[in-house]
Amino acid sequence: MSEPLTGVATWRPVMEAAGFRCQCTGACGNPHAKSEGRCPHEHDAYTSKHGHRVRLIAAPADPLTTAVAAAALPAGELLAWCAGCHTAAARAARRKAEPAAEAPGLFEL
């Protein structure tokens, strides 16, 4: 099994608690309906679509947490994420956090 070159003391407990499986439960926008509501990606497994290996990361439940703040968190406050779910969850959270821009009215110049 592959492990990161650094941060193993934090990464390994997170992965063991997650069963080496992504812990996304829909924050990415995908309900993961075929896998009981949780992302089916497992660390070091191959993806079915592209044949790439899945490498899970240990990251905060809130994908908008800055890298500096995340580095200070203990392993108990981190989740196992696959890259696809983490990226999509961050994108969805940013959209939700940004106020909607007001569109000009139809007859406004």
PDB file of N, CA and C in Angstrom:
ATOM      1  N   MET A   1       0.842  -1.173   0.000  1.00  0.00           N
ATOM      2  CA  MET A   1       0.000   0.000   0.000  1.00  0.00           C
ATOM      3  C   MET A   1       0.889   1.237   0.000  1.00  0.00           C
ATOM      4  N   SER A   2       0.513   2.187  -0.805  1.00  0.00           N
ATOM      5  CA  SER A   2       1.292   3.421  -0.882  1.00  0.00           C
ATOM      6  C   SER A   2       0.868   4.377   0.224  1.00  0.00           C
ATOM      7  N   GLU A   3       1.827   5.138   0.699  1.00  0.00           N
ATOM      8  CA  GLU A   3       1.591   6.157   1.721  1.00  0.00           C
ATOM      9  C   GLU A   3       2.300   7.428   1.284  1.00  0.00           C
ATOM     10  N   PRO A   4       1.846   8.577   1.800  1.00  0.00           N
ATOM     11  CA  PRO A   4       2.542   9.826   1.442  1.00  0.00           C
ATOM     12  C   PRO A   4       3.960   9.838   2.004  1.00  0.00           C
ATOM     13  N   LEU A   5       4.805  10.645   1.422  1.00  0.00           N
ATOM     14  CA  LEU A   5       6.190  10.736   1.880  1.00  0.00           C
ATOM     15  C   LEU A   5       6.306  11.472   3.204  1.00  0.00           C
ATOM     16  N   THR A   6       5.382  12.400   3.459  1.00  0.00           N
ATOM     17  CA  THR A   6       5.396  13.139   4.716  1.00  0.00           C
ATOM     18  C   THR A   6       4.008  13.089   5.344  1.00  0.00           C
ATOM     19  N   GLY A   7       3.941  13.344   6.615  1.00  0.00           N
ATOM     20  CA  GLY A   7       2.648  13.408   7.298  1.00  0.00           C
ATOM     21  C   GLY A   7       1.988  12.069   7.548  1.00  0.00           C
ATOM     22  N   VAL A   8       2.745  10.986   7.509  1.00  0.00           N
ATOM     23  CA  VAL A   8       2.176   9.654   7.688  1.00  0.00           C
ATOM     24  C   VAL A   8       1.547   9.502   9.073  1.00  0.00           C
ATOM     25  N   ALA A   9       2.115  10.143  10.079  1.00  0.00           N
ATOM     26  CA  ALA A   9       1.581  10.033  11.442  1.00  0.00           C
ATOM     27  C   ALA A   9       0.168  10.609  11.536  1.00  0.00           C
ATOM     28  N   THR A  10      -0.176  11.526  10.668  1.00  0.00           N
ATOM     29  CA  THR A  10      -1.533  12.076  10.619  1.00  0.00           C
ATOM     30  C   THR A  10      -2.377  11.317   9.611  1.00  0.00           C
ATOM     31  N   TRP A  11      -1.820  11.035   8.453  1.00  0.00           N
ATOM     32  CA  TRP A  11      -2.555  10.409   7.363  1.00  0.00           C
ATOM     33  C   TRP A  11      -3.054   9.005   7.719  1.00  0.00           C
ATOM     34  N   ARG A  12      -2.182   8.177   8.267  1.00  0.00           N
ATOM     35  CA  ARG A  12      -2.536   6.784   8.534  1.00  0.00           C
ATOM     36  C   ARG A  12      -3.722   6.645   9.496  1.00  0.00           C
ATOM     37  N   PRO A  13      -3.772   7.345  10.638  1.00  0.00           N
ATOM     38  CA  PRO A  13      -4.938   7.205  11.520  1.00  0.00           C
ATOM     39  C   PRO A  13      -6.251   7.627  10.847  1.00  0.00           C
ATOM     40  N   VAL A  14      -6.188   8.647   9.998  1.00  0.00           N
ATOM     41  CA  VAL A  14      -7.388   9.095   9.272  1.00  0.00           C
ATOM     42  C   VAL A  14      -7.852   7.983   8.331  1.00  0.00           C
ATOM     43  N   MET A  15      -6.927   7.396   7.595  1.00  0.00           N
ATOM     44  CA  MET A  15      -7.275   6.331   6.645  1.00  0.00           C
ATOM     45  C   MET A  15      -7.783   5.089   7.360  1.00  0.00           C
ATOM     46  N   GLU A  16      -7.156   4.731   8.466  1.00  0.00           N
ATOM     47  CA  GLU A  16      -7.612   3.557   9.206  1.00  0.00           C
ATOM     48  C   GLU A  16      -9.018   3.764   9.745  1.00  0.00           C
ATOM     49  N   ALA A  17      -9.308   4.959  10.259  1.00  0.00           N
ATOM     50  CA  ALA A  17     -10.655   5.264  10.763  1.00  0.00           C
ATOM     51  C   ALA A  17     -11.685   5.220   9.632  1.00  0.00           C
ATOM     52  N   ALA A  18     -11.271   5.565   8.420  1.00  0.00           N
ATOM     53  CA  ALA A  18     -12.170   5.588   7.261  1.00  0.00           C
ATOM     54  C   ALA A  18     -12.215   4.241   6.542  1.00  0.00           C
ATOM     55  N   GLY A  19     -11.419   3.305   6.972  1.00  0.00           N
ATOM     56  CA  GLY A  19     -11.356   2.022   6.278  1.00  0.00           C
ATOM     57  C   GLY A  19     -10.709   2.149   4.911  1.00  0.00           C
ATOM     58  N   PHE A  20      -9.820   3.149   4.758  1.00  0.00           N
ATOM     59  CA  PHE A  20      -9.111   3.439   3.502  1.00  0.00           C
ATOM     60  C   PHE A  20     -10.095   3.683   2.359  1.00  0.00           C
ATOM     61  N   ARG A  21     -11.238   4.299   2.691  1.00  0.00           N
ATOM     62  CA  ARG A  21     -12.279   4.619   1.699  1.00  0.00           C
ATOM     63  C   ARG A  21     -12.680   6.081   1.863  1.00  0.00           C
ATOM     64  N   CYS A  22     -12.937   6.753   0.744  1.00  0.00           N
ATOM     65  CA  CYS A  22     -13.339   8.162   0.766  1.00  0.00           C
ATOM     66  C   CYS A  22     -14.574   8.327   1.644  1.00  0.00           C
ATOM     67  N   GLN A  23     -14.572   9.357   2.485  1.00  0.00           N
ATOM     68  CA  GLN A  23     -15.665   9.583   3.420  1.00  0.00           C
ATOM     69  C   GLN A  23     -16.691  10.601   2.929  1.00  0.00           C
ATOM     70  N   CYS A  24     -16.627  10.990   1.665  1.00  0.00           N
ATOM     71  CA  CYS A  24     -17.599  11.940   1.129  1.00  0.00           C
ATOM     72  C   CYS A  24     -18.985  11.303   1.135  1.00  0.00           C
ATOM     73  N   THR A  25     -19.938  12.041   1.660  1.00  0.00           N
ATOM     74  CA  THR A  25     -21.319  11.553   1.710  1.00  0.00           C
ATOM     75  C   THR A  25     -22.251  12.475   0.929  1.00  0.00           C
ATOM     76  N   GLY A  26     -21.733  13.076  -0.116  1.00  0.00           N
ATOM     77  CA  GLY A  26     -22.558  13.912  -0.979  1.00  0.00           C
ATOM     78  C   GLY A  26     -22.172  15.371  -1.015  1.00  0.00           C
ATOM     79  N   ALA A  27     -21.171  15.790  -0.264  1.00  0.00           N
ATOM     80  CA  ALA A  27     -20.743  17.194  -0.280  1.00  0.00           C
ATOM     81  C   ALA A  27     -20.250  17.601  -1.671  1.00  0.00           C
ATOM     82  N   CYS A  28     -19.878  16.636  -2.469  1.00  0.00           N
ATOM     83  CA  CYS A  28     -19.375  16.905  -3.818  1.00  0.00           C
ATOM     84  C   CYS A  28     -20.504  17.137  -4.817  1.00  0.00           C
ATOM     85  N   GLY A  29     -21.730  16.910  -4.396  1.00  0.00           N
ATOM     86  CA  GLY A  29     -22.866  17.060  -5.296  1.00  0.00           C
ATOM     87  C   GLY A  29     -23.349  15.735  -5.860  1.00  0.00           C
ATOM     88  N   ASN A  30     -22.591  14.686  -5.651  1.00  0.00           N
ATOM     89  CA  ASN A  30     -22.982  13.355  -6.092  1.00  0.00           C
ATOM     90  C   ASN A  30     -23.570  12.619  -4.890  1.00  0.00           C
ATOM     91  N   PRO A  31     -24.803  12.120  -4.986  1.00  0.00           N
ATOM     92  CA  PRO A  31     -25.399  11.443  -3.833  1.00  0.00           C
ATOM     93  C   PRO A  31     -24.800  10.066  -3.544  1.00  0.00           C
ATOM     94  N   HIS A  32     -23.927   9.580  -4.404  1.00  0.00           N
ATOM     95  CA  HIS A  32     -23.295   8.266  -4.242  1.00  0.00           C
ATOM     96  C   HIS A  32     -24.358   7.201  -3.969  1.00  0.00           C
ATOM     97  N   ALA A  33     -25.425   7.244  -4.747  1.00  0.00           N
ATOM     98  CA  ALA A  33     -26.581   6.377  -4.538  1.00  0.00           C
ATOM     99  C   ALA A  33     -26.255   4.890  -4.690  1.00  0.00           C
ATOM    100  N   LYS A  34     -25.311   4.549  -5.535  1.00  0.00           N
ATOM    101  CA  LYS A  34     -24.992   3.133  -5.754  1.00  0.00           C
ATOM    102  C   LYS A  34     -24.123   2.536  -4.653  1.00  0.00           C
ATOM    103  N   SER A  35     -23.646   3.375  -3.744  1.00  0.00           N
ATOM    104  CA  SER A  35     -22.748   2.876  -2.686  1.00  0.00           C
ATOM    105  C   SER A  35     -23.217   3.341  -1.302  1.00  0.00           C
ATOM    106  N   GLU A  36     -24.507   3.244  -1.072  1.00  0.00           N
ATOM    107  CA  GLU A  36     -25.124   3.582   0.218  1.00  0.00           C
ATOM    108  C   GLU A  36     -24.816   4.989   0.703  1.00  0.00           C
ATOM    109  N   GLY A  37     -24.711   5.938  -0.200  1.00  0.00           N
ATOM    110  CA  GLY A  37     -24.524   7.329   0.175  1.00  0.00           C
ATOM    111  C   GLY A  37     -23.107   7.746   0.498  1.00  0.00           C
ATOM    112  N   ARG A  38     -22.146   6.868   0.300  1.00  0.00           N
ATOM    113  CA  ARG A  38     -20.743   7.202   0.559  1.00  0.00           C
ATOM    114  C   ARG A  38     -19.920   6.870  -0.681  1.00  0.00           C
ATOM    115  N   CYS A  39     -18.987   7.743  -1.002  1.00  0.00           N
ATOM    116  CA  CYS A  39     -18.132   7.547  -2.172  1.00  0.00           C
ATOM    117  C   CYS A  39     -17.473   6.156  -2.122  1.00  0.00           C
ATOM    118  N   PRO A  40     -17.483   5.431  -3.228  1.00  0.00           N
ATOM    119  CA  PRO A  40     -16.918   4.082  -3.227  1.00  0.00           C
ATOM    120  C   PRO A  40     -15.403   4.011  -3.432  1.00  0.00           C
ATOM    121  N   HIS A  41     -14.740   5.150  -3.694  1.00  0.00           N
ATOM    122  CA  HIS A  41     -13.302   5.114  -3.978  1.00  0.00           C
ATOM    123  C   HIS A  41     -12.489   4.662  -2.768  1.00  0.00           C
ATOM    124  N   GLU A  42     -11.616   3.703  -3.010  1.00  0.00           N
ATOM    125  CA  GLU A  42     -10.728   3.179  -1.970  1.00  0.00           C
ATOM    126  C   GLU A  42      -9.285   3.495  -2.332  1.00  0.00           C
ATOM    127  N   HIS A  43      -8.473   3.741  -1.315  1.00  0.00           N
ATOM    128  CA  HIS A  43      -7.063   4.083  -1.533  1.00  0.00           C
ATOM    129  C   HIS A  43      -6.352   2.948  -2.255  1.00  0.00           C
ATOM    130  N   ASP A  44      -5.578   3.313  -3.251  1.00  0.00           N
ATOM    131  CA  ASP A  44      -4.773   2.411  -4.081  1.00  0.00           C
ATOM    132  C   ASP A  44      -5.588   1.539  -5.027  1.00  0.00           C
ATOM    133  N   ALA A  45      -6.910   1.701  -5.055  1.00  0.00           N
ATOM    134  CA  ALA A  45      -7.723   0.955  -6.016  1.00  0.00           C
ATOM    135  C   ALA A  45      -7.708   1.702  -7.345  1.00  0.00           C
ATOM    136  N   TYR A  46      -8.082   1.033  -8.404  1.00  0.00           N
ATOM    137  CA  TYR A  46      -8.143   1.671  -9.715  1.00  0.00           C
ATOM    138  C   TYR A  46      -9.549   2.179  -9.975  1.00  0.00           C
ATOM    139  N   THR A  47      -9.649   3.338 -10.627  1.00  0.00           N
ATOM    140  CA  THR A  47     -10.958   3.854 -11.014  1.00  0.00           C
ATOM    141  C   THR A  47     -11.423   3.086 -12.235  1.00  0.00           C
ATOM    142  N   SER A  48     -12.714   2.895 -12.343  1.00  0.00           N
ATOM    143  CA  SER A  48     -13.235   2.116 -13.457  1.00  0.00           C
ATOM    144  C   SER A  48     -13.220   2.898 -14.764  1.00  0.00           C
ATOM    145  N   LYS A  49     -13.388   4.216 -14.691  1.00  0.00           N
ATOM    146  CA  LYS A  49     -13.485   5.009 -15.918  1.00  0.00           C
ATOM    147  C   LYS A  49     -12.148   5.191 -16.625  1.00  0.00           C
ATOM    148  N   HIS A  50     -11.130   5.557 -15.902  1.00  0.00           N
ATOM    149  CA  HIS A  50      -9.877   5.943 -16.535  1.00  0.00           C
ATOM    150  C   HIS A  50      -8.693   5.053 -16.159  1.00  0.00           C
ATOM    151  N   GLY A  51      -8.876   4.142 -15.243  1.00  0.00           N
ATOM    152  CA  GLY A  51      -7.794   3.252 -14.858  1.00  0.00           C
ATOM    153  C   GLY A  51      -6.700   3.892 -14.027  1.00  0.00           C
ATOM    154  N   HIS A  52      -6.969   5.067 -13.447  1.00  0.00           N
ATOM    155  CA  HIS A  52      -5.988   5.717 -12.577  1.00  0.00           C
ATOM    156  C   HIS A  52      -6.119   5.183 -11.160  1.00  0.00           C
ATOM    157  N   ARG A  53      -5.032   5.212 -10.436  1.00  0.00           N
ATOM    158  CA  ARG A  53      -5.076   4.801  -9.030  1.00  0.00           C
ATOM    159  C   ARG A  53      -5.658   5.910  -8.184  1.00  0.00           C
ATOM    160  N   VAL A  54      -6.466   5.527  -7.223  1.00  0.00           N
ATOM    161  CA  VAL A  54      -7.061   6.475  -6.290  1.00  0.00           C
ATOM    162  C   VAL A  54      -6.064   6.711  -5.162  1.00  0.00           C
ATOM    163  N   ARG A  55      -5.780   7.966  -4.885  1.00  0.00           N
ATOM    164  CA  ARG A  55      -4.911   8.341  -3.763  1.00  0.00           C
ATOM    165  C   ARG A  55      -5.744   9.228  -2.848  1.00  0.00           C
ATOM    166  N   LEU A  56      -6.059   8.731  -1.689  1.00  0.00           N
ATOM    167  CA  LEU A  56      -6.860   9.504  -0.749  1.00  0.00           C
ATOM    168  C   LEU A  56      -5.992  10.508  -0.004  1.00  0.00           C
ATOM    169  N   ILE A  57      -6.608  11.627   0.367  1.00  0.00           N
ATOM    170  CA  ILE A  57      -5.930  12.643   1.160  1.00  0.00           C
ATOM    171  C   ILE A  57      -6.654  12.787   2.494  1.00  0.00           C
ATOM    172  N   ALA A  58      -5.961  13.234   3.496  1.00  0.00           N
ATOM    173  CA  ALA A  58      -6.558  13.552   4.794  1.00  0.00           C
ATOM    174  C   ALA A  58      -6.777  15.057   4.805  1.00  0.00           C
ATOM    175  N   ALA A  59      -8.045  15.470   4.854  1.00  0.00           N
ATOM    176  CA  ALA A  59      -8.379  16.892   4.787  1.00  0.00           C
ATOM    177  C   ALA A  59      -9.580  17.177   5.683  1.00  0.00           C
ATOM    178  N   PRO A  60      -9.772  18.435   6.070  1.00  0.00           N
ATOM    179  CA  PRO A  60     -10.900  18.790   6.936  1.00  0.00           C
ATOM    180  C   PRO A  60     -12.247  18.508   6.265  1.00  0.00           C
ATOM    181  N   ALA A  61     -13.268  18.323   7.087  1.00  0.00           N
ATOM    182  CA  ALA A  61     -14.621  18.108   6.567  1.00  0.00           C
ATOM    183  C   ALA A  61     -15.079  19.315   5.765  1.00  0.00           C
ATOM    184  N   ASP A  62     -14.668  20.514   6.169  1.00  0.00           N
ATOM    185  CA  ASP A  62     -14.991  21.730   5.434  1.00  0.00           C
ATOM    186  C   ASP A  62     -13.918  21.933   4.372  1.00  0.00           C
ATOM    187  N   PRO A  63     -14.254  21.709   3.095  1.00  0.00           N
ATOM    188  CA  PRO A  63     -13.235  21.810   2.049  1.00  0.00           C
ATOM    189  C   PRO A  63     -12.706  23.219   1.813  1.00  0.00           C
ATOM    190  N   LEU A  64     -13.316  24.225   2.427  1.00  0.00           N
ATOM    191  CA  LEU A  64     -12.830  25.598   2.267  1.00  0.00           C
ATOM    192  C   LEU A  64     -11.802  25.979   3.329  1.00  0.00           C
ATOM    193  N   THR A  65     -11.497  25.070   4.228  1.00  0.00           N
ATOM    194  CA  THR A  65     -10.482  25.330   5.245  1.00  0.00           C
ATOM    195  C   THR A  65      -9.141  25.562   4.549  1.00  0.00           C
ATOM    196  N   THR A  66      -8.444  26.601   4.949  1.00  0.00           N
ATOM    197  CA  THR A  66      -7.148  26.908   4.328  1.00  0.00           C
ATOM    198  C   THR A  66      -6.130  25.824   4.655  1.00  0.00           C
ATOM    199  N   ALA A  67      -5.117  25.722   3.834  1.00  0.00           N
ATOM    200  CA  ALA A  67      -4.069  24.723   4.049  1.00  0.00           C
ATOM    201  C   ALA A  67      -3.357  24.936   5.381  1.00  0.00           C
ATOM    202  N   VAL A  68      -3.142  26.193   5.758  1.00  0.00           N
ATOM    203  CA  VAL A  68      -2.460  26.504   7.022  1.00  0.00           C
ATOM    204  C   VAL A  68      -3.319  26.039   8.198  1.00  0.00           C
ATOM    205  N   ALA A  69      -4.618  26.330   8.157  1.00  0.00           N
ATOM    206  CA  ALA A  69      -5.517  25.905   9.234  1.00  0.00           C
ATOM    207  C   ALA A  69      -5.637  24.386   9.268  1.00  0.00           C
ATOM    208  N   ALA A  70      -5.685  23.756   8.102  1.00  0.00           N
ATOM    209  CA  ALA A  70      -5.801  22.302   8.031  1.00  0.00           C
ATOM    210  C   ALA A  70      -4.571  21.609   8.608  1.00  0.00           C
ATOM    211  N   ALA A  71      -3.398  22.184   8.380  1.00  0.00           N
ATOM    212  CA  ALA A  71      -2.162  21.583   8.884  1.00  0.00           C
ATOM    213  C   ALA A  71      -2.112  21.575  10.400  1.00  0.00           C
ATOM    214  N   ALA A  72      -2.841  22.482  11.036  1.00  0.00           N
ATOM    215  CA  ALA A  72      -2.845  22.555  12.498  1.00  0.00           C
ATOM    216  C   ALA A  72      -3.875  21.627  13.140  1.00  0.00           C
ATOM    217  N   LEU A  73      -4.743  21.021  12.340  1.00  0.00           N
ATOM    218  CA  LEU A  73      -5.796  20.166  12.892  1.00  0.00           C
ATOM    219  C   LEU A  73      -5.257  18.786  13.259  1.00  0.00           C
ATOM    220  N   PRO A  74      -5.768  18.204  14.339  1.00  0.00           N
ATOM    221  CA  PRO A  74      -5.379  16.831  14.691  1.00  0.00           C
ATOM    222  C   PRO A  74      -6.073  15.832  13.760  1.00  0.00           C
ATOM    223  N   ALA A  75      -5.568  14.624  13.710  1.00  0.00           N
ATOM    224  CA  ALA A  75      -6.111  13.589  12.820  1.00  0.00           C
ATOM    225  C   ALA A  75      -7.596  13.341  13.069  1.00  0.00           C
ATOM    226  N   GLY A  76      -8.042  13.491  14.307  1.00  0.00           N
ATOM    227  CA  GLY A  76      -9.444  13.253  14.636  1.00  0.00           C
ATOM    228  C   GLY A  76     -10.412  14.226  13.984  1.00  0.00           C
ATOM    229  N   GLU A  77      -9.906  15.338  13.478  1.00  0.00           N
ATOM    230  CA  GLU A  77     -10.757  16.342  12.840  1.00  0.00           C
ATOM    231  C   GLU A  77     -10.634  16.338  11.314  1.00  0.00           C
ATOM    232  N   LEU A  78      -9.998  15.302  10.780  1.00  0.00           N
ATOM    233  CA  LEU A  78      -9.812  15.195   9.333  1.00  0.00           C
ATOM    234  C   LEU A  78     -10.613  14.013   8.789  1.00  0.00           C
ATOM    235  N   LEU A  79     -10.928  14.086   7.504  1.00  0.00           N
ATOM    236  CA  LEU A  79     -11.620  13.010   6.807  1.00  0.00           C
ATOM    237  C   LEU A  79     -10.756  12.517   5.663  1.00  0.00           C
ATOM    238  N   ALA A  80     -11.034  11.311   5.206  1.00  0.00           N
ATOM    239  CA  ALA A  80     -10.384  10.778   4.012  1.00  0.00           C
ATOM    240  C   ALA A  80     -11.197  11.233   2.812  1.00  0.00           C
ATOM    241  N   TRP A  81     -10.536  11.860   1.846  1.00  0.00           N
ATOM    242  CA  TRP A  81     -11.200  12.353   0.635  1.00  0.00           C
ATOM    243  C   TRP A  81     -10.463  11.838  -0.591  1.00  0.00           C
ATOM    244  N   CYS A  82     -11.203  11.476  -1.640  1.00  0.00           N
ATOM    245  CA  CYS A  82     -10.566  11.259  -2.941  1.00  0.00           C
ATOM    246  C   CYS A  82     -10.464  12.645  -3.576  1.00  0.00           C
ATOM    247  N   ALA A  83      -9.573  12.815  -4.498  1.00  0.00           N
ATOM    248  CA  ALA A  83      -9.345  14.139  -5.099  1.00  0.00           C
ATOM    249  C   ALA A  83     -10.591  14.679  -5.788  1.00  0.00           C
ATOM    250  N   GLY A  84     -11.321  13.826  -6.489  1.00  0.00           N
ATOM    251  CA  GLY A  84     -12.515  14.275  -7.202  1.00  0.00           C
ATOM    252  C   GLY A  84     -13.580  14.820  -6.277  1.00  0.00           C
ATOM    253  N   CYS A  85     -13.848  14.115  -5.190  1.00  0.00           N
ATOM    254  CA  CYS A  85     -14.858  14.571  -4.237  1.00  0.00           C
ATOM    255  C   CYS A  85     -14.419  15.854  -3.537  1.00  0.00           C
ATOM    256  N   HIS A  86     -13.153  15.931  -3.138  1.00  0.00           N
ATOM    257  CA  HIS A  86     -12.677  17.113  -2.425  1.00  0.00           C
ATOM    258  C   HIS A  86     -12.749  18.354  -3.318  1.00  0.00           C
ATOM    259  N   THR A  87     -12.326  18.225  -4.558  1.00  0.00           N
ATOM    260  CA  THR A  87     -12.376  19.354  -5.490  1.00  0.00           C
ATOM    261  C   THR A  87     -13.812  19.791  -5.742  1.00  0.00           C
ATOM    262  N   ALA A  88     -14.699  18.839  -5.992  1.00  0.00           N
ATOM    263  CA  ALA A  88     -16.105  19.157  -6.261  1.00  0.00           C
ATOM    264  C   ALA A  88     -16.778  19.742  -5.026  1.00  0.00           C
ATOM    265  N   ALA A  89     -16.454  19.240  -3.845  1.00  0.00           N
ATOM    266  CA  ALA A  89     -17.038  19.766  -2.608  1.00  0.00           C
ATOM    267  C   ALA A  89     -16.580  21.204  -2.359  1.00  0.00           C
ATOM    268  N   ALA A  90     -15.304  21.490  -2.630  1.00  0.00           N
ATOM    269  CA  ALA A  90     -14.794  22.860  -2.468  1.00  0.00           C
ATOM    270  C   ALA A  90     -15.480  23.801  -3.451  1.00  0.00           C
ATOM    271  N   ARG A  91     -15.653  23.350  -4.682  1.00  0.00           N
ATOM    272  CA  ARG A  91     -16.328  24.162  -5.694  1.00  0.00           C
ATOM    273  C   ARG A  91     -17.770  24.451  -5.271  1.00  0.00           C
ATOM    274  N   ALA A  92     -18.477  23.431  -4.792  1.00  0.00           N
ATOM    275  CA  ALA A  92     -19.870  23.602  -4.357  1.00  0.00           C
ATOM    276  C   ALA A  92     -19.953  24.526  -3.152  1.00  0.00           C
ATOM    277  N   ALA A  93     -19.021  24.401  -2.215  1.00  0.00           N
ATOM    278  CA  ALA A  93     -19.019  25.258  -1.025  1.00  0.00           C
ATOM    279  C   ALA A  93     -18.732  26.709  -1.391  1.00  0.00           C
ATOM    280  N   ARG A  94     -17.832  26.929  -2.355  1.00  0.00           N
ATOM    281  CA  ARG A  94     -17.544  28.297  -2.801  1.00  0.00           C
ATOM    282  C   ARG A  94     -18.766  28.931  -3.450  1.00  0.00           C
ATOM    283  N   ARG A  95     -19.465  28.157  -4.277  1.00  0.00           N
ATOM    284  CA  ARG A  95     -20.684  28.670  -4.918  1.00  0.00           C
ATOM    285  C   ARG A  95     -21.724  29.046  -3.878  1.00  0.00           C
ATOM    286  N   LYS A  96     -21.846  28.226  -2.856  1.00  0.00           N
ATOM    287  CA  LYS A  96     -22.824  28.478  -1.800  1.00  0.00           C
ATOM    288  C   LYS A  96     -22.443  29.700  -0.971  1.00  0.00           C
ATOM    289  N   ALA A  97     -21.148  29.917  -0.774  1.00  0.00           N
ATOM    290  CA  ALA A  97     -20.667  31.019   0.068  1.00  0.00           C
ATOM    291  C   ALA A  97     -20.700  32.366  -0.639  1.00  0.00           C
ATOM    292  N   GLU A  98     -20.599  32.377  -1.960  1.00  0.00           N
ATOM    293  CA  GLU A  98     -20.582  33.630  -2.704  1.00  0.00           C
ATOM    294  C   GLU A  98     -21.995  34.185  -2.824  1.00  0.00           C
ATOM    295  N   PRO A  99     -22.163  35.466  -2.532  1.00  0.00           N
ATOM    296  CA  PRO A  99     -23.495  36.053  -2.709  1.00  0.00           C
ATOM    297  C   PRO A  99     -23.830  36.139  -4.194  1.00  0.00           C
ATOM    298  N   ALA A 100     -25.084  35.945  -4.494  1.00  0.00           N
ATOM    299  CA  ALA A 100     -25.521  36.001  -5.892  1.00  0.00           C
ATOM    300  C   ALA A 100     -25.401  37.437  -6.409  1.00  0.00           C
ATOM    301  N   ALA A 101     -24.810  37.586  -7.556  1.00  0.00           N
ATOM    302  CA  ALA A 101     -24.670  38.915  -8.161  1.00  0.00           C
ATOM    303  C   ALA A 101     -26.031  39.338  -8.706  1.00  0.00           C
ATOM    304  N   GLU A 102     -26.369  40.573  -8.467  1.00  0.00           N
ATOM    305  CA  GLU A 102     -27.650  41.056  -8.951  1.00  0.00           C
ATOM    306  C   GLU A 102     -27.555  41.345 -10.437  1.00  0.00           C
ATOM    307  N   ALA A 103     -28.445  40.761 -11.177  1.00  0.00           N
ATOM    308  CA  ALA A 103     -28.490  40.985 -12.617  1.00  0.00           C
ATOM    309  C   ALA A 103     -29.269  42.266 -12.879  1.00  0.00           C
ATOM    310  N   PRO A 104     -28.850  43.059 -13.868  1.00  0.00           N
ATOM    311  CA  PRO A 104     -29.591  44.263 -14.171  1.00  0.00           C
ATOM    312  C   PRO A 104     -30.978  43.911 -14.705  1.00  0.00           C
ATOM    313  N   GLY A 105     -31.916  44.795 -14.464  1.00  0.00           N
ATOM    314  CA  GLY A 105     -33.284  44.566 -14.939  1.00  0.00           C
ATOM    315  C   GLY A 105     -33.338  44.608 -16.454  1.00  0.00           C
ATOM    316  N   LEU A 106     -34.392  44.107 -16.990  1.00  0.00           N
ATOM    317  CA  LEU A 106     -34.535  44.005 -18.429  1.00  0.00           C
ATOM    318  C   LEU A 106     -34.508  45.366 -19.117  1.00  0.00           C
ATOM    319  N   PHE A 107     -35.074  46.387 -18.477  1.00  0.00           N
ATOM    320  CA  PHE A 107     -35.160  47.698 -19.104  1.00  0.00           C
ATOM    321  C   PHE A 107     -34.191  48.721 -18.516  1.00  0.00           C
ATOM    322  N   GLU A 108     -33.231  48.266 -17.700  1.00  0.00           N
ATOM    323  CA  GLU A 108     -32.244  49.171 -17.127  1.00  0.00           C
ATOM    324  C   GLU A 108     -31.084  49.365 -18.094  1.00  0.00           C
ATOM    325  N   LEU A 109     -30.597  50.567 -18.179  1.00  0.00           N
ATOM    326  CA  LEU A 109     -29.462  50.845 -19.054  1.00  0.00           C
ATOM    327  C   LEU A 109     -28.218  51.104 -18.283  1.00  0.00           C
TER     328      LEU A 109
END
